[in-house]
């Protein structure tokens, strides 16, 4: 008696697990760079964009460096505004 093996789904689903290495942290790295740039130039544009990207990296993509990117972007946003106020007065 011959047994046939078929390739039928087992009901298990593969979720989007985070990739290892730098390839899985692209949004976080870009967000950190934008946060640092926002500290020096146009914090409303760059640091706020970095903050949005970091939040997307945290909630949607589940990247490891997303928390650090949120902190760097937030410091860039607030620090850039304070620095701009000090320079203009």
C-alpha atoms as a PDB file:
ATOM      1  CA  UNK A   1       0.000   0.000   0.000  1.00  0.00           C
ATOM      2  CA  UNK A   2       1.460   3.344  -1.080  1.00  0.00           C
ATOM      3  CA  UNK A   3       1.097   6.462   1.051  1.00  0.00           C
ATOM      4  CA  UNK A   4       0.873   9.809  -0.653  1.00  0.00           C
ATOM      5  CA  UNK A   5       2.216  12.875   1.068  1.00  0.00           C
ATOM      6  CA  UNK A   6       0.607  16.127   0.105  1.00  0.00           C
ATOM      7  CA  UNK A   7       1.658  19.660   0.848  1.00  0.00           C
ATOM      8  CA  UNK A   8      -1.439  20.778   2.703  1.00  0.00           C
ATOM      9  CA  UNK A   9      -1.468  23.728   5.106  1.00  0.00           C
ATOM     10  CA  UNK A  10      -1.444  22.860   8.785  1.00  0.00           C
ATOM     11  CA  UNK A  11      -3.229  25.968   9.986  1.00  0.00           C
ATOM     12  CA  UNK A  12      -0.033  27.525  11.331  1.00  0.00           C
ATOM     13  CA  UNK A  13       0.626  31.066  10.262  1.00  0.00           C
ATOM     14  CA  UNK A  14       3.962  32.785  10.070  1.00  0.00           C
ATOM     15  CA  UNK A  15       3.787  36.239  11.567  1.00  0.00           C
ATOM     16  CA  UNK A  16       6.075  39.037  10.508  1.00  0.00           C
ATOM     17  CA  UNK A  17       8.871  38.377  12.941  1.00  0.00           C
ATOM     18  CA  UNK A  18      11.610  41.006  13.162  1.00  0.00           C
ATOM     19  CA  UNK A  19      14.676  40.239  11.128  1.00  0.00           C
ATOM     20  CA  UNK A  20      18.054  40.119  12.755  1.00  0.00           C
ATOM     21  CA  UNK A  21      20.840  42.531  11.907  1.00  0.00           C
ATOM     22  CA  UNK A  22      20.689  46.048  10.538  1.00  0.00           C
ATOM     23  CA  UNK A  23      18.208  45.089   7.811  1.00  0.00           C
ATOM     24  CA  UNK A  24      15.432  44.827  10.370  1.00  0.00           C
ATOM     25  CA  UNK A  25      16.096  48.228  11.940  1.00  0.00           C
ATOM     26  CA  UNK A  26      15.987  50.471   8.892  1.00  0.00           C
ATOM     27  CA  UNK A  27      13.130  52.692  10.094  1.00  0.00           C
ATOM     28  CA  UNK A  28      14.727  53.040  13.534  1.00  0.00           C
ATOM     29  CA  UNK A  29      18.096  54.066  12.136  1.00  0.00           C
ATOM     30  CA  UNK A  30      16.550  56.613   9.778  1.00  0.00           C
ATOM     31  CA  UNK A  31      14.467  57.969  12.681  1.00  0.00           C
ATOM     32  CA  UNK A  32      17.582  58.407  14.829  1.00  0.00           C
ATOM     33  CA  UNK A  33      19.390  60.250  12.042  1.00  0.00           C
ATOM     34  CA  UNK A  34      16.383  62.534  11.544  1.00  0.00           C
ATOM     35  CA  UNK A  35      16.251  63.187  15.292  1.00  0.00           C
ATOM     36  CA  UNK A  36      19.899  64.257  15.372  1.00  0.00           C
ATOM     37  CA  UNK A  37      19.476  66.456  12.284  1.00  0.00           C
ATOM     38  CA  UNK A  38      16.338  67.923  13.859  1.00  0.00           C
ATOM     39  CA  UNK A  39      18.340  68.943  16.910  1.00  0.00           C
ATOM     40  CA  UNK A  40      20.354  71.320  14.723  1.00  0.00           C
ATOM     41  CA  UNK A  41      18.053  72.236  11.811  1.00  0.00           C
ATOM     42  CA  UNK A  42      14.263  72.624  11.628  1.00  0.00           C
ATOM     43  CA  UNK A  43      13.205  70.396  14.539  1.00  0.00           C
ATOM     44  CA  UNK A  44       9.520  70.602  13.592  1.00  0.00           C
ATOM     45  CA  UNK A  45      10.277  68.997  10.227  1.00  0.00           C
ATOM     46  CA  UNK A  46      13.142  66.583  10.840  1.00  0.00           C
ATOM     47  CA  UNK A  47      12.733  65.505  14.459  1.00  0.00           C
ATOM     48  CA  UNK A  48       8.968  65.248  14.168  1.00  0.00           C
ATOM     49  CA  UNK A  49       9.380  63.117  11.052  1.00  0.00           C
ATOM     50  CA  UNK A  50      11.874  60.965  12.944  1.00  0.00           C
ATOM     51  CA  UNK A  51       9.431  60.611  15.828  1.00  0.00           C
ATOM     52  CA  UNK A  52       6.669  59.466  13.489  1.00  0.00           C
ATOM     53  CA  UNK A  53       9.008  56.958  11.817  1.00  0.00           C
ATOM     54  CA  UNK A  54      10.160  55.664  15.210  1.00  0.00           C
ATOM     55  CA  UNK A  55       6.580  55.125  16.341  1.00  0.00           C
ATOM     56  CA  UNK A  56       5.829  53.246  13.116  1.00  0.00           C
ATOM     57  CA  UNK A  57       8.968  51.159  13.671  1.00  0.00           C
ATOM     58  CA  UNK A  58       7.783  50.326  17.187  1.00  0.00           C
ATOM     59  CA  UNK A  59       4.120  49.563  16.549  1.00  0.00           C
ATOM     60  CA  UNK A  60       4.005  48.179  13.018  1.00  0.00           C
ATOM     61  CA  UNK A  61       7.443  46.728  12.330  1.00  0.00           C
ATOM     62  CA  UNK A  62       8.421  45.736  15.929  1.00  0.00           C
ATOM     63  CA  UNK A  63      12.050  46.786  15.505  1.00  0.00           C
ATOM     64  CA  UNK A  64      14.527  46.382  18.352  1.00  0.00           C
ATOM     65  CA  UNK A  65      15.981  49.887  18.148  1.00  0.00           C
ATOM     66  CA  UNK A  66      12.615  51.642  17.955  1.00  0.00           C
ATOM     67  CA  UNK A  67      12.557  52.676  21.615  1.00  0.00           C
ATOM     68  CA  UNK A  68      15.980  54.290  21.310  1.00  0.00           C
ATOM     69  CA  UNK A  69      14.848  56.029  18.129  1.00  0.00           C
ATOM     70  CA  UNK A  70      11.784  57.433  19.916  1.00  0.00           C
ATOM     71  CA  UNK A  71      13.977  58.848  22.686  1.00  0.00           C
ATOM     72  CA  UNK A  72      16.535  60.335  20.263  1.00  0.00           C
ATOM     73  CA  UNK A  73      13.827  61.920  18.117  1.00  0.00           C
ATOM     74  CA  UNK A  74      11.982  63.332  21.134  1.00  0.00           C
ATOM     75  CA  UNK A  75      15.193  64.828  22.509  1.00  0.00           C
ATOM     76  CA  UNK A  76      15.950  66.231  19.050  1.00  0.00           C
ATOM     77  CA  UNK A  77      12.487  67.778  18.855  1.00  0.00           C
ATOM     78  CA  UNK A  78      12.469  69.396  22.289  1.00  0.00           C
ATOM     79  CA  UNK A  79      16.176  70.180  22.347  1.00  0.00           C
ATOM     80  CA  UNK A  80      16.074  71.706  18.891  1.00  0.00           C
ATOM     81  CA  UNK A  81      13.235  73.993  19.871  1.00  0.00           C
ATOM     82  CA  UNK A  82      15.008  75.081  23.050  1.00  0.00           C
ATOM     83  CA  UNK A  83      18.253  75.613  21.156  1.00  0.00           C
ATOM     84  CA  UNK A  84      16.416  77.657  18.521  1.00  0.00           C
ATOM     85  CA  UNK A  85      14.825  79.805  21.228  1.00  0.00           C
ATOM     86  CA  UNK A  86      18.190  80.414  22.912  1.00  0.00           C
ATOM     87  CA  UNK A  87      19.905  81.314  19.645  1.00  0.00           C
ATOM     88  CA  UNK A  88      17.133  83.723  18.595  1.00  0.00           C
ATOM     89  CA  UNK A  89      17.033  85.669  21.860  1.00  0.00           C
END
